[in-house]
C-alpha atoms as a PDB file:
ATOM      1  CA  UNK A   1       0.707  21.066  -2.649  1.00  0.00           C
ATOM      2  CA  UNK A   2      -0.834  23.448  -0.152  1.00  0.00           C
ATOM      3  CA  UNK A   3      -3.828  23.875  -2.446  1.00  0.00           C
ATOM      4  CA  UNK A   4      -4.702  20.175  -2.319  1.00  0.00           C
ATOM      5  CA  UNK A   5      -3.773  19.374   1.276  1.00  0.00           C
ATOM      6  CA  UNK A   6      -3.930  22.216   3.797  1.00  0.00           C
ATOM      7  CA  UNK A   7      -2.491  19.929   6.505  1.00  0.00           C
ATOM      8  CA  UNK A   8       0.385  17.484   6.236  1.00  0.00           C
ATOM      9  CA  UNK A   9      -1.585  14.687   7.904  1.00  0.00           C
ATOM     10  CA  UNK A  10      -4.064  14.734   5.020  1.00  0.00           C
ATOM     11  CA  UNK A  11      -1.267  14.089   2.534  1.00  0.00           C
ATOM     12  CA  UNK A  12       0.050  11.242   4.669  1.00  0.00           C
ATOM     13  CA  UNK A  13      -3.444   9.790   4.956  1.00  0.00           C
ATOM     14  CA  UNK A  14      -3.956   9.761   1.190  1.00  0.00           C
ATOM     15  CA  UNK A  15      -0.485   8.328   0.555  1.00  0.00           C
ATOM     16  CA  UNK A  16      -1.100   5.611   3.158  1.00  0.00           C
ATOM     17  CA  UNK A  17      -4.478   4.740   1.663  1.00  0.00           C
ATOM     18  CA  UNK A  18      -2.974   4.444  -1.823  1.00  0.00           C
ATOM     19  CA  UNK A  19      -0.123   2.282  -0.527  1.00  0.00           C
ATOM     20  CA  UNK A  20      -2.605   0.085   1.346  1.00  0.00           C
ATOM     21  CA  UNK A  21      -4.726  -0.329  -1.780  1.00  0.00           C
ATOM     22  CA  UNK A  22      -1.665  -1.400  -3.774  1.00  0.00           C
ATOM     23  CA  UNK A  23      -0.676  -3.808  -0.993  1.00  0.00           C
ATOM     24  CA  UNK A  24      -4.131  -5.396  -0.991  1.00  0.00           C
ATOM     25  CA  UNK A  25      -4.114  -5.706  -4.784  1.00  0.00           C
ATOM     26  CA  UNK A  26      -0.703  -7.365  -4.751  1.00  0.00           C
ATOM     27  CA  UNK A  27      -1.775  -9.770  -1.994  1.00  0.00           C
ATOM     28  CA  UNK A  28      -4.776 -10.726  -4.122  1.00  0.00           C
ATOM     29  CA  UNK A  29      -2.523 -11.200  -7.166  1.00  0.00           C
ATOM     30  CA  UNK A  30      -0.103 -13.392  -5.179  1.00  0.00           C
ATOM     31  CA  UNK A  31      -2.976 -15.549  -3.941  1.00  0.00           C
ATOM     32  CA  UNK A  32      -4.256 -15.825  -7.489  1.00  0.00           C
ATOM     33  CA  UNK A  33      -0.776 -16.794  -8.701  1.00  0.00           C
ATOM     34  CA  UNK A  34      -0.452 -19.499  -6.057  1.00  0.00           C
ATOM     35  CA  UNK A  35      -3.839 -21.004  -6.948  1.00  0.00           C
ATOM     36  CA  UNK A  36      -3.261 -21.141 -10.719  1.00  0.00           C
ATOM     37  CA  UNK A  37      -4.287 -24.258 -12.630  1.00  0.00           C
ATOM     38  CA  UNK A  38      -1.480 -24.137 -15.224  1.00  0.00           C
ATOM     39  CA  UNK A  39       1.677 -24.622 -13.146  1.00  0.00           C
ATOM     40  CA  UNK A  40       3.916 -23.586 -16.045  1.00  0.00           C
ATOM     41  CA  UNK A  41       2.381 -20.085 -16.229  1.00  0.00           C
ATOM     42  CA  UNK A  42       4.363 -18.631 -13.344  1.00  0.00           C
ATOM     43  CA  UNK A  43       4.477 -14.946 -14.255  1.00  0.00           C
ATOM     44  CA  UNK A  44       7.233 -12.441 -13.631  1.00  0.00           C
ATOM     45  CA  UNK A  45       5.927  -9.977 -11.051  1.00  0.00           C
ATOM     46  CA  UNK A  46       7.420 -10.230  -7.539  1.00  0.00           C
ATOM     47  CA  UNK A  47       4.072  -9.845  -5.773  1.00  0.00           C
ATOM     48  CA  UNK A  48       5.438 -10.721  -2.342  1.00  0.00           C
ATOM     49  CA  UNK A  49       8.096  -7.993  -2.501  1.00  0.00           C
ATOM     50  CA  UNK A  50       5.557  -5.474  -3.791  1.00  0.00           C
ATOM     51  CA  UNK A  51       3.198  -6.420  -0.965  1.00  0.00           C
ATOM     52  CA  UNK A  52       5.832  -6.111   1.745  1.00  0.00           C
ATOM     53  CA  UNK A  53       7.191  -2.743   0.599  1.00  0.00           C
ATOM     54  CA  UNK A  54       3.800  -1.143   0.032  1.00  0.00           C
ATOM     55  CA  UNK A  55       2.411  -2.498   3.304  1.00  0.00           C
ATOM     56  CA  UNK A  56       5.412  -1.079   5.150  1.00  0.00           C
ATOM     57  CA  UNK A  57       4.912   2.273   3.406  1.00  0.00           C
ATOM     58  CA  UNK A  58       1.207   2.202   4.311  1.00  0.00           C
ATOM     59  CA  UNK A  59       1.986   1.534   7.969  1.00  0.00           C
ATOM     60  CA  UNK A  60       4.515   4.385   8.071  1.00  0.00           C
ATOM     61  CA  UNK A  61       2.274   6.889   6.276  1.00  0.00           C
ATOM     62  CA  UNK A  62      -0.825   6.020   8.289  1.00  0.00           C
ATOM     63  CA  UNK A  63       1.166   6.144  11.513  1.00  0.00           C
ATOM     64  CA  UNK A  64       2.505   9.584  10.629  1.00  0.00           C
ATOM     65  CA  UNK A  65      -0.980  10.699   9.714  1.00  0.00           C
ATOM     66  CA  UNK A  66      -2.433   9.552  13.028  1.00  0.00           C
ATOM     67  CA  UNK A  67       0.432  11.103  14.977  1.00  0.00           C
ATOM     68  CA  UNK A  68      -0.002  14.478  13.263  1.00  0.00           C
ATOM     69  CA  UNK A  69      -3.795  14.370  13.476  1.00  0.00           C
ATOM     70  CA  UNK A  70      -3.795  13.718  17.224  1.00  0.00           C
ATOM     71  CA  UNK A  71      -1.163  16.431  17.764  1.00  0.00           C
ATOM     72  CA  UNK A  72      -3.392  19.104  16.219  1.00  0.00           C
END
């Protein structure tokens, strides 16, 4: 891992960005599910749970990244 990320804050930044991208995609999917025209086509993905967990992970990773970056 030291070859890809020489500093730990870079790894946390990338992980936070990926988690934030997944959170935004799941929020878009939940909005799309709520605005569907066929009310019987509910779907099976728990988009709200996916959004909440990935957004929490993004906040933690980005917070760690900022803390480590400012400490350098």
